[in-house]
Amino acid sequence: MMLNLKMNQKIILSIALLFSLFCSMATTFSFENDVTDGVSIAVSVFICLAIVVVFSAVILETLESICNP
């Protein structure tokens, strides 16, 4: 099942991105330094964009596998 292998890689990547987002937000809330806040917020924005791209790819692959059996 090639679909399962591709989906597993994207799901693992999604979990890693969500964990990174959690760590970045925890850094933002725990430290009161302007520099770390700016960096953490910028990293959070890029991680959110990556999560949107990965989830949209997963949804498109799922729809493609349903429509083209």
PDB file of N, CA and C in Angstrom:
ATOM      1  N   MET A   1       0.827  -1.182   0.000  1.00  0.00           N
ATOM      2  CA  MET A   1       0.000   0.000   0.000  1.00  0.00           C
ATOM      3  C   MET A   1       0.878   1.253   0.000  1.00  0.00           C
ATOM      4  N   MET A   2       1.052   1.839  -1.171  1.00  0.00           N
ATOM      5  CA  MET A   2       1.867   3.026  -1.264  1.00  0.00           C
ATOM      6  C   MET A   2       1.169   4.222  -0.615  1.00  0.00           C
ATOM      7  N   LEU A   3      -0.145   4.248  -0.674  1.00  0.00           N
ATOM      8  CA  LEU A   3      -0.883   5.350  -0.081  1.00  0.00           C
ATOM      9  C   LEU A   3      -0.645   5.413   1.420  1.00  0.00           C
ATOM     10  N   ASN A   4      -0.633   4.272   2.078  1.00  0.00           N
ATOM     11  CA  ASN A   4      -0.414   4.265   3.516  1.00  0.00           C
ATOM     12  C   ASN A   4       0.973   4.763   3.880  1.00  0.00           C
ATOM     13  N   LEU A   5       1.980   4.432   3.087  1.00  0.00           N
ATOM     14  CA  LEU A   5       3.332   4.887   3.361  1.00  0.00           C
ATOM     15  C   LEU A   5       3.435   6.399   3.222  1.00  0.00           C
ATOM     16  N   LYS A   6       2.839   6.950   2.163  1.00  0.00           N
ATOM     17  CA  LYS A   6       2.849   8.404   1.973  1.00  0.00           C
ATOM     18  C   LYS A   6       2.060   9.100   3.072  1.00  0.00           C
ATOM     19  N   MET A   7       0.904   8.548   3.408  1.00  0.00           N
ATOM     20  CA  MET A   7       0.065   9.163   4.430  1.00  0.00           C
ATOM     21  C   MET A   7       0.740   9.099   5.795  1.00  0.00           C
ATOM     22  N   ASN A   8       1.425   7.991   6.089  1.00  0.00           N
ATOM     23  CA  ASN A   8       2.106   7.887   7.373  1.00  0.00           C
ATOM     24  C   ASN A   8       3.212   8.926   7.497  1.00  0.00           C
ATOM     25  N   GLN A   9       3.948   9.172   6.422  1.00  0.00           N
ATOM     26  CA  GLN A   9       4.996  10.183   6.466  1.00  0.00           C
ATOM     27  C   GLN A   9       4.407  11.569   6.693  1.00  0.00           C
ATOM     28  N   LYS A  10       3.299  11.861   6.048  1.00  0.00           N
ATOM     29  CA  LYS A  10       2.680  13.178   6.215  1.00  0.00           C
ATOM     30  C   LYS A  10       2.038  13.321   7.591  1.00  0.00           C
ATOM     31  N   ILE A  11       1.504  12.244   8.120  1.00  0.00           N
ATOM     32  CA  ILE A  11       0.918  12.306   9.458  1.00  0.00           C
ATOM     33  C   ILE A  11       2.017  12.495  10.501  1.00  0.00           C
ATOM     34  N   ILE A  12       3.137  11.810  10.332  1.00  0.00           N
ATOM     35  CA  ILE A  12       4.260  12.005  11.257  1.00  0.00           C
ATOM     36  C   ILE A  12       4.776  13.437  11.165  1.00  0.00           C
ATOM     37  N   LEU A  13       4.861  13.979   9.948  1.00  0.00           N
ATOM     38  CA  LEU A  13       5.276  15.365   9.770  1.00  0.00           C
ATOM     39  C   LEU A  13       4.285  16.316  10.418  1.00  0.00           C
ATOM     40  N   SER A  14       2.995  16.026  10.293  1.00  0.00           N
ATOM     41  CA  SER A  14       1.973  16.869  10.915  1.00  0.00           C
ATOM     42  C   SER A  14       2.089  16.860  12.433  1.00  0.00           C
ATOM     43  N   ILE A  15       2.323  15.689  12.998  1.00  0.00           N
ATOM     44  CA  ILE A  15       2.479  15.598  14.452  1.00  0.00           C
ATOM     45  C   ILE A  15       3.714  16.362  14.908  1.00  0.00           C
ATOM     46  N   ALA A  16       4.806  16.246  14.151  1.00  0.00           N
ATOM     47  CA  ALA A  16       6.025  16.979  14.494  1.00  0.00           C
ATOM     48  C   ALA A  16       5.808  18.491  14.398  1.00  0.00           C
ATOM     49  N   LEU A  17       5.065  18.922  13.381  1.00  0.00           N
ATOM     50  CA  LEU A  17       4.772  20.356  13.255  1.00  0.00           C
ATOM     51  C   LEU A  17       3.884  20.850  14.384  1.00  0.00           C
ATOM     52  N   LEU A  18       2.900  20.059  14.765  1.00  0.00           N
ATOM     53  CA  LEU A  18       2.037  20.456  15.883  1.00  0.00           C
ATOM     54  C   LEU A  18       2.815  20.533  17.189  1.00  0.00           C
ATOM     55  N   PHE A  19       3.730  19.588  17.395  1.00  0.00           N
ATOM     56  CA  PHE A  19       4.573  19.621  18.585  1.00  0.00           C
ATOM     57  C   PHE A  19       5.473  20.859  18.562  1.00  0.00           C
ATOM     58  N   SER A  20       6.033  21.183  17.406  1.00  0.00           N
ATOM     59  CA  SER A  20       6.873  22.374  17.277  1.00  0.00           C
ATOM     60  C   SER A  20       6.073  23.636  17.530  1.00  0.00           C
ATOM     61  N   LEU A  21       4.837  23.666  17.042  1.00  0.00           N
ATOM     62  CA  LEU A  21       3.977  24.815  17.283  1.00  0.00           C
ATOM     63  C   LEU A  21       3.686  24.965  18.768  1.00  0.00           C
ATOM     64  N   PHE A  22       3.419  23.858  19.446  1.00  0.00           N
ATOM     65  CA  PHE A  22       3.184  23.909  20.888  1.00  0.00           C
ATOM     66  C   PHE A  22       4.413  24.439  21.629  1.00  0.00           C
ATOM     67  N   CYS A  23       5.595  23.967  21.245  1.00  0.00           N
ATOM     68  CA  CYS A  23       6.829  24.431  21.892  1.00  0.00           C
ATOM     69  C   CYS A  23       7.062  25.916  21.642  1.00  0.00           C
ATOM     70  N   SER A  24       6.790  26.357  20.433  1.00  0.00           N
ATOM     71  CA  SER A  24       6.972  27.764  20.103  1.00  0.00           C
ATOM     72  C   SER A  24       6.000  28.646  20.887  1.00  0.00           C
ATOM     73  N   MET A  25       4.769  28.196  21.009  1.00  0.00           N
ATOM     74  CA  MET A  25       3.790  28.981  21.789  1.00  0.00           C
ATOM     75  C   MET A  25       4.132  28.964  23.273  1.00  0.00           C
ATOM     76  N   ALA A  26       4.632  27.848  23.763  1.00  0.00           N
ATOM     77  CA  ALA A  26       5.043  27.788  25.169  1.00  0.00           C
ATOM     78  C   ALA A  26       6.203  28.737  25.429  1.00  0.00           C
ATOM     79  N   THR A  27       7.119  28.826  24.473  1.00  0.00           N
ATOM     80  CA  THR A  27       8.225  29.778  24.614  1.00  0.00           C
ATOM     81  C   THR A  27       7.712  31.208  24.619  1.00  0.00           C
ATOM     82  N   THR A  28       6.749  31.494  23.771  1.00  0.00           N
ATOM     83  CA  THR A  28       6.178  32.840  23.711  1.00  0.00           C
ATOM     84  C   THR A  28       5.527  33.217  25.036  1.00  0.00           C
ATOM     85  N   PHE A  29       4.791  32.285  25.629  1.00  0.00           N
ATOM     86  CA  PHE A  29       4.073  32.594  26.859  1.00  0.00           C
ATOM     87  C   PHE A  29       4.960  32.562  28.098  1.00  0.00           C
ATOM     88  N   SER A  30       6.031  31.780  28.073  1.00  0.00           N
ATOM     89  CA  SER A  30       6.829  31.639  29.289  1.00  0.00           C
ATOM     90  C   SER A  30       7.898  32.718  29.442  1.00  0.00           C
ATOM     91  N   PHE A  31       8.444  33.217  28.341  1.00  0.00           N
ATOM     92  CA  PHE A  31       9.488  34.229  28.430  1.00  0.00           C
ATOM     93  C   PHE A  31       8.913  35.605  28.132  1.00  0.00           C
ATOM     94  N   GLU A  32       9.370  36.597  28.860  1.00  0.00           N
ATOM     95  CA  GLU A  32       8.863  37.955  28.708  1.00  0.00           C
ATOM     96  C   GLU A  32       9.840  38.853  27.958  1.00  0.00           C
ATOM     97  N   ASN A  33      10.721  38.248  27.169  1.00  0.00           N
ATOM     98  CA  ASN A  33      11.707  39.003  26.414  1.00  0.00           C
ATOM     99  C   ASN A  33      11.132  39.336  25.041  1.00  0.00           C
ATOM    100  N   ASP A  34      11.375  40.567  24.572  1.00  0.00           N
ATOM    101  CA  ASP A  34      10.838  40.978  23.281  1.00  0.00           C
ATOM    102  C   ASP A  34      11.454  40.198  22.119  1.00  0.00           C
ATOM    103  N   VAL A  35      12.735  39.882  22.220  1.00  0.00           N
ATOM    104  CA  VAL A  35      13.408  39.168  21.136  1.00  0.00           C
ATOM    105  C   VAL A  35      12.851  37.747  21.008  1.00  0.00           C
ATOM    106  N   THR A  36      12.750  37.035  22.114  1.00  0.00           N
ATOM    107  CA  THR A  36      12.229  35.666  22.045  1.00  0.00           C
ATOM    108  C   THR A  36      10.757  35.657  21.643  1.00  0.00           C
ATOM    109  N   ASP A  37       9.998  36.658  22.065  1.00  0.00           N
ATOM    110  CA  ASP A  37       8.599  36.735  21.654  1.00  0.00           C
ATOM    111  C   ASP A  37       8.489  36.920  20.146  1.00  0.00           C
ATOM    112  N   GLY A  38       9.293  37.810  19.598  1.00  0.00           N
ATOM    113  CA  GLY A  38       9.256  38.047  18.149  1.00  0.00           C
ATOM    114  C   GLY A  38       9.651  36.828  17.348  1.00  0.00           C
ATOM    115  N   VAL A  39      10.722  36.168  17.788  1.00  0.00           N
ATOM    116  CA  VAL A  39      11.176  34.967  17.077  1.00  0.00           C
ATOM    117  C   VAL A  39      10.143  33.855  17.205  1.00  0.00           C
ATOM    118  N   SER A  40       9.602  33.662  18.385  1.00  0.00           N
ATOM    119  CA  SER A  40       8.620  32.590  18.591  1.00  0.00           C
ATOM    120  C   SER A  40       7.351  32.831  17.787  1.00  0.00           C
ATOM    121  N   ILE A  41       6.905  34.054  17.712  1.00  0.00           N
ATOM    122  CA  ILE A  41       5.702  34.355  16.943  1.00  0.00           C
ATOM    123  C   ILE A  41       5.961  34.151  15.447  1.00  0.00           C
ATOM    124  N   ALA A  42       7.135  34.562  14.972  1.00  0.00           N
ATOM    125  CA  ALA A  42       7.472  34.358  13.554  1.00  0.00           C
ATOM    126  C   ALA A  42       7.554  32.875  13.227  1.00  0.00           C
ATOM    127  N   VAL A  43       8.172  32.105  14.104  1.00  0.00           N
ATOM    128  CA  VAL A  43       8.265  30.657  13.895  1.00  0.00           C
ATOM    129  C   VAL A  43       6.873  30.035  13.921  1.00  0.00           C
ATOM    130  N   SER A  44       6.012  30.503  14.813  1.00  0.00           N
ATOM    131  CA  SER A  44       4.644  29.981  14.891  1.00  0.00           C
ATOM    132  C   SER A  44       3.879  30.233  13.591  1.00  0.00           C
ATOM    133  N   VAL A  45       4.076  31.400  13.010  1.00  0.00           N
ATOM    134  CA  VAL A  45       3.396  31.718  11.754  1.00  0.00           C
ATOM    135  C   VAL A  45       3.863  30.777  10.645  1.00  0.00           C
ATOM    136  N   PHE A  46       5.178  30.560  10.538  1.00  0.00           N
ATOM    137  CA  PHE A  46       5.691  29.662   9.508  1.00  0.00           C
ATOM    138  C   PHE A  46       5.242  28.220   9.734  1.00  0.00           C
ATOM    139  N   ILE A  47       5.185  27.798  10.982  1.00  0.00           N
ATOM    140  CA  ILE A  47       4.721  26.444  11.282  1.00  0.00           C
ATOM    141  C   ILE A  47       3.242  26.297  10.929  1.00  0.00           C
ATOM    142  N   CYS A  48       2.438  27.315  11.205  1.00  0.00           N
ATOM    143  CA  CYS A  48       1.019  27.260  10.835  1.00  0.00           C
ATOM    144  C   CYS A  48       0.851  27.152   9.327  1.00  0.00           C
ATOM    145  N   LEU A  49       1.652  27.891   8.571  1.00  0.00           N
ATOM    146  CA  LEU A  49       1.596  27.785   7.116  1.00  0.00           C
ATOM    147  C   LEU A  49       1.984  26.380   6.651  1.00  0.00           C
ATOM    148  N   ALA A  50       2.998  25.807   7.271  1.00  0.00           N
ATOM    149  CA  ALA A  50       3.422  24.449   6.913  1.00  0.00           C
ATOM    150  C   ALA A  50       2.331  23.439   7.248  1.00  0.00           C
ATOM    151  N   ILE A  51       1.662  23.611   8.376  1.00  0.00           N
ATOM    152  CA  ILE A  51       0.579  22.710   8.767  1.00  0.00           C
ATOM    153  C   ILE A  51      -0.564  22.786   7.758  1.00  0.00           C
ATOM    154  N   VAL A  52      -0.899  23.986   7.321  1.00  0.00           N
ATOM    155  CA  VAL A  52      -1.968  24.146   6.327  1.00  0.00           C
ATOM    156  C   VAL A  52      -1.595  23.446   5.024  1.00  0.00           C
ATOM    157  N   VAL A  53      -0.346  23.583   4.595  1.00  0.00           N
ATOM    158  CA  VAL A  53       0.098  22.944   3.356  1.00  0.00           C
ATOM    159  C   VAL A  53       0.062  21.424   3.489  1.00  0.00           C
ATOM    160  N   VAL A  54       0.547  20.898   4.592  1.00  0.00           N
ATOM    161  CA  VAL A  54       0.572  19.439   4.772  1.00  0.00           C
ATOM    162  C   VAL A  54      -0.844  18.882   4.868  1.00  0.00           C
ATOM    163  N   PHE A  55      -1.709  19.539   5.638  1.00  0.00           N
ATOM    164  CA  PHE A  55      -3.072  19.035   5.761  1.00  0.00           C
ATOM    165  C   PHE A  55      -3.827  19.125   4.448  1.00  0.00           C
ATOM    166  N   SER A  56      -3.585  20.173   3.662  1.00  0.00           N
ATOM    167  CA  SER A  56      -4.258  20.257   2.369  1.00  0.00           C
ATOM    168  C   SER A  56      -3.755  19.160   1.433  1.00  0.00           C
ATOM    169  N   ALA A  57      -2.472  18.833   1.495  1.00  0.00           N
ATOM    170  CA  ALA A  57      -1.947  17.734   0.676  1.00  0.00           C
ATOM    171  C   ALA A  57      -2.555  16.405   1.098  1.00  0.00           C
ATOM    172  N   VAL A  58      -2.722  16.203   2.389  1.00  0.00           N
ATOM    173  CA  VAL A  58      -3.345  14.964   2.877  1.00  0.00           C
ATOM    174  C   VAL A  58      -4.789  14.873   2.400  1.00  0.00           C
ATOM    175  N   ILE A  59      -5.511  15.971   2.480  1.00  0.00           N
ATOM    176  CA  ILE A  59      -6.910  15.967   2.042  1.00  0.00           C
ATOM    177  C   ILE A  59      -7.005  15.722   0.539  1.00  0.00           C
ATOM    178  N   LEU A  60      -6.137  16.371  -0.239  1.00  0.00           N
ATOM    179  CA  LEU A  60      -6.159  16.162  -1.689  1.00  0.00           C
ATOM    180  C   LEU A  60      -5.812  14.723  -2.058  1.00  0.00           C
ATOM    181  N   GLU A  61      -4.835  14.141  -1.399  1.00  0.00           N
ATOM    182  CA  GLU A  61      -4.485  12.741  -1.674  1.00  0.00           C
ATOM    183  C   GLU A  61      -5.609  11.800  -1.286  1.00  0.00           C
ATOM    184  N   THR A  62      -6.286  12.089  -0.197  1.00  0.00           N
ATOM    185  CA  THR A  62      -7.419  11.260   0.223  1.00  0.00           C
ATOM    186  C   THR A  62      -8.546  11.345  -0.780  1.00  0.00           C
ATOM    187  N   LEU A  63      -8.861  12.564  -1.228  1.00  0.00           N
ATOM    188  CA  LEU A  63      -9.917  12.722  -2.234  1.00  0.00           C
ATOM    189  C   LEU A  63      -9.528  12.047  -3.550  1.00  0.00           C
ATOM    190  N   GLU A  64      -8.281  12.140  -3.921  1.00  0.00           N
ATOM    191  CA  GLU A  64      -7.826  11.495  -5.151  1.00  0.00           C
ATOM    192  C   GLU A  64      -7.930   9.971  -5.052  1.00  0.00           C
ATOM    193  N   SER A  65      -7.589   9.428  -3.881  1.00  0.00           N
ATOM    194  CA  SER A  65      -7.681   7.980  -3.721  1.00  0.00           C
ATOM    195  C   SER A  65      -9.139   7.511  -3.705  1.00  0.00           C
ATOM    196  N   ILE A  66     -10.054   8.354  -3.233  1.00  0.00           N
ATOM    197  CA  ILE A  66     -11.473   7.989  -3.232  1.00  0.00           C
ATOM    198  C   ILE A  66     -12.046   8.075  -4.638  1.00  0.00           C
ATOM    199  N   CYS A  67     -11.681   9.123  -5.359  1.00  0.00           N
ATOM    200  CA  CYS A  67     -12.262   9.339  -6.701  1.00  0.00           C
ATOM    201  C   CYS A  67     -11.624   8.431  -7.751  1.00  0.00           C
ATOM    202  N   ASN A  68     -10.366   8.048  -7.572  1.00  0.00           N
ATOM    203  CA  ASN A  68      -9.676   7.201  -8.540  1.00  0.00           C
ATOM    204  C   ASN A  68      -9.239   5.898  -7.875  1.00  0.00           C
ATOM    205  N   PRO A  69     -10.152   4.970  -7.701  1.00  0.00           N
ATOM    206  CA  PRO A  69      -9.765   3.722  -7.014  1.00  0.00           C
ATOM    207  C   PRO A  69      -8.854   2.843  -7.848  1.00  0.00           C
TER     208      PRO A  69
END
